[in-house]
Amino acid sequence: MALSQSEKNEIIKKYARHEGDTGSAEVQIAVLTADINEINRHMKEHRKDFHSQRGLMKKIGHRRNLLGYLRKTDVSRYRDLIQSLGLRR
């Protein structure tokens, strides 16, 4: 259910702003999005797994806060990120 380290490293490499960047808002949002997608797949099979559902809601809230921060600080980076992740349909 969780992301493997290699998958996480690929995401970090794709969205990092510079070498060794693991903490920028883009990287954190991309990793959270991948986690959210994994948990969504899990929830489709296990509808009554309320512990995972709570974790999903917490991750969605965290991603929402990070997206709000990025939108306030740099709108162009925000737009590029939501376009590449396929958010805000």
C-alpha atoms as a PDB file:
ATOM      1  CA  MET A   1       0.000   0.000   0.000  1.00  0.00           C
ATOM      2  CA  ALA A   2       2.836   2.407   0.729  1.00  0.00           C
ATOM      3  CA  LEU A   3       5.240   3.720  -1.882  1.00  0.00           C
ATOM      4  CA  SER A   4       8.479   1.814  -2.271  1.00  0.00           C
ATOM      5  CA  GLN A   5      11.703   3.725  -1.791  1.00  0.00           C
ATOM      6  CA  SER A   6      12.597   3.452  -5.494  1.00  0.00           C
ATOM      7  CA  GLU A   7       9.235   4.923  -6.537  1.00  0.00           C
ATOM      8  CA  LYS A   8       9.669   7.722  -4.037  1.00  0.00           C
ATOM      9  CA  ASN A   9      13.195   8.431  -5.315  1.00  0.00           C
ATOM     10  CA  GLU A  10      11.913   8.681  -8.891  1.00  0.00           C
ATOM     11  CA  ILE A  11       9.286  11.201  -7.832  1.00  0.00           C
ATOM     12  CA  ILE A  12      11.865  13.209  -5.896  1.00  0.00           C
ATOM     13  CA  LYS A  13      14.238  13.206  -8.868  1.00  0.00           C
ATOM     14  CA  LYS A  14      11.479  14.378 -11.222  1.00  0.00           C
ATOM     15  CA  TYR A  15      10.180  17.254  -9.074  1.00  0.00           C
ATOM     16  CA  ALA A  16      13.357  18.389  -7.265  1.00  0.00           C
ATOM     17  CA  ARG A  17      14.322  21.995  -7.886  1.00  0.00           C
ATOM     18  CA  HIS A  18      18.047  21.307  -7.388  1.00  0.00           C
ATOM     19  CA  GLU A  19      20.342  18.403  -6.549  1.00  0.00           C
ATOM     20  CA  GLY A  20      19.513  16.861  -3.182  1.00  0.00           C
ATOM     21  CA  ASP A  21      16.182  18.666  -2.875  1.00  0.00           C
ATOM     22  CA  THR A  22      13.730  16.573  -0.870  1.00  0.00           C
ATOM     23  CA  GLY A  23      11.858  19.219   1.080  1.00  0.00           C
ATOM     24  CA  SER A  24      10.553  21.718  -1.448  1.00  0.00           C
ATOM     25  CA  ALA A  25       6.801  22.120  -1.690  1.00  0.00           C
ATOM     26  CA  GLU A  26       6.758  20.565  -5.173  1.00  0.00           C
ATOM     27  CA  VAL A  27       8.463  17.376  -3.991  1.00  0.00           C
ATOM     28  CA  GLN A  28       6.274  17.068  -0.908  1.00  0.00           C
ATOM     29  CA  ILE A  29       3.096  17.584  -2.933  1.00  0.00           C
ATOM     30  CA  ALA A  30       4.169  15.058  -5.577  1.00  0.00           C
ATOM     31  CA  VAL A  31       4.977  12.398  -2.963  1.00  0.00           C
ATOM     32  CA  LEU A  32       1.688  13.043  -1.148  1.00  0.00           C
ATOM     33  CA  THR A  33      -0.206  12.776  -4.440  1.00  0.00           C
ATOM     34  CA  ALA A  34       1.366   9.393  -5.150  1.00  0.00           C
ATOM     35  CA  ASP A  35       0.486   8.243  -1.609  1.00  0.00           C
ATOM     36  CA  ILE A  36      -3.076   9.497  -2.006  1.00  0.00           C
ATOM     37  CA  ASN A  37      -3.466   7.633  -5.293  1.00  0.00           C
ATOM     38  CA  GLU A  38      -2.213   4.403  -3.681  1.00  0.00           C
ATOM     39  CA  ILE A  39      -4.590   4.732  -0.740  1.00  0.00           C
ATOM     40  CA  ASN A  40      -7.469   5.489  -3.132  1.00  0.00           C
ATOM     41  CA  ARG A  41      -6.807   2.204  -4.939  1.00  0.00           C
ATOM     42  CA  HIS A  42      -6.767   0.421  -1.579  1.00  0.00           C
ATOM     43  CA  MET A  43     -10.019   2.079  -0.499  1.00  0.00           C
ATOM     44  CA  LYS A  44     -11.830   0.912  -3.644  1.00  0.00           C
ATOM     45  CA  GLU A  45     -11.253  -2.693  -2.572  1.00  0.00           C
ATOM     46  CA  HIS A  46     -11.625  -2.219   1.193  1.00  0.00           C
ATOM     47  CA  ARG A  47     -14.493   0.208   1.628  1.00  0.00           C
ATOM     48  CA  LYS A  48     -14.822  -0.299   5.388  1.00  0.00           C
ATOM     49  CA  ASP A  49     -11.154   0.322   6.224  1.00  0.00           C
ATOM     50  CA  PHE A  50     -11.765   3.432   8.290  1.00  0.00           C
ATOM     51  CA  HIS A  51      -8.194   3.649   9.604  1.00  0.00           C
ATOM     52  CA  SER A  52      -6.860   4.005   6.076  1.00  0.00           C
ATOM     53  CA  GLN A  53      -9.660   6.419   5.280  1.00  0.00           C
ATOM     54  CA  ARG A  54      -8.575   8.663   8.134  1.00  0.00           C
ATOM     55  CA  GLY A  55      -4.975   8.554   6.915  1.00  0.00           C
ATOM     56  CA  LEU A  56      -6.189   9.468   3.443  1.00  0.00           C
ATOM     57  CA  MET A  57      -8.066  12.483   4.772  1.00  0.00           C
ATOM     58  CA  LYS A  58      -4.988  13.643   6.710  1.00  0.00           C
ATOM     59  CA  LYS A  59      -2.793  13.357   3.614  1.00  0.00           C
ATOM     60  CA  ILE A  60      -5.345  15.233   1.502  1.00  0.00           C
ATOM     61  CA  GLY A  61      -5.448  18.028   4.092  1.00  0.00           C
ATOM     62  CA  HIS A  62      -1.665  18.246   4.226  1.00  0.00           C
ATOM     63  CA  ARG A  63      -1.433  18.400   0.422  1.00  0.00           C
ATOM     64  CA  ARG A  64      -4.125  21.078   0.369  1.00  0.00           C
ATOM     65  CA  ASN A  65      -2.173  23.218   2.841  1.00  0.00           C
ATOM     66  CA  LEU A  66       1.034  22.833   0.834  1.00  0.00           C
ATOM     67  CA  LEU A  67      -0.787  23.748  -2.388  1.00  0.00           C
ATOM     68  CA  GLY A  68      -2.169  26.862  -0.708  1.00  0.00           C
ATOM     69  CA  TYR A  69       1.308  27.845   0.443  1.00  0.00           C
ATOM     70  CA  LEU A  70       2.750  27.333  -3.035  1.00  0.00           C
ATOM     71  CA  ARG A  71      -0.102  29.313  -4.619  1.00  0.00           C
ATOM     72  CA  LYS A  72       0.563  32.239  -2.253  1.00  0.00           C
ATOM     73  CA  THR A  73       4.338  32.262  -2.758  1.00  0.00           C
ATOM     74  CA  ASP A  74       4.756  31.501  -6.491  1.00  0.00           C
ATOM     75  CA  VAL A  75       1.740  31.168  -8.773  1.00  0.00           C
ATOM     76  CA  SER A  76       3.704  30.023 -11.826  1.00  0.00           C
ATOM     77  CA  ARG A  77       5.288  27.115  -9.933  1.00  0.00           C
ATOM     78  CA  TYR A  78       1.838  26.239  -8.576  1.00  0.00           C
ATOM     79  CA  ARG A  79       0.279  26.175 -12.045  1.00  0.00           C
ATOM     80  CA  ASP A  80       3.114  24.089 -13.492  1.00  0.00           C
ATOM     81  CA  LEU A  81       2.830  21.583 -10.652  1.00  0.00           C
ATOM     82  CA  ILE A  82      -0.922  21.070 -10.806  1.00  0.00           C
ATOM     83  CA  GLN A  83      -0.654  20.708 -14.585  1.00  0.00           C
ATOM     84  CA  SER A  84       2.045  18.024 -14.345  1.00  0.00           C
ATOM     85  CA  LEU A  85       0.275  16.126 -11.528  1.00  0.00           C
ATOM     86  CA  GLY A  86      -3.130  16.313 -13.190  1.00  0.00           C
ATOM     87  CA  LEU A  87      -4.845  18.002 -10.262  1.00  0.00           C
ATOM     88  CA  ARG A  88      -7.762  20.476 -10.477  1.00  0.00           C
ATOM     89  CA  ARG A  89      -9.612  18.926 -13.401  1.00  0.00           C
END
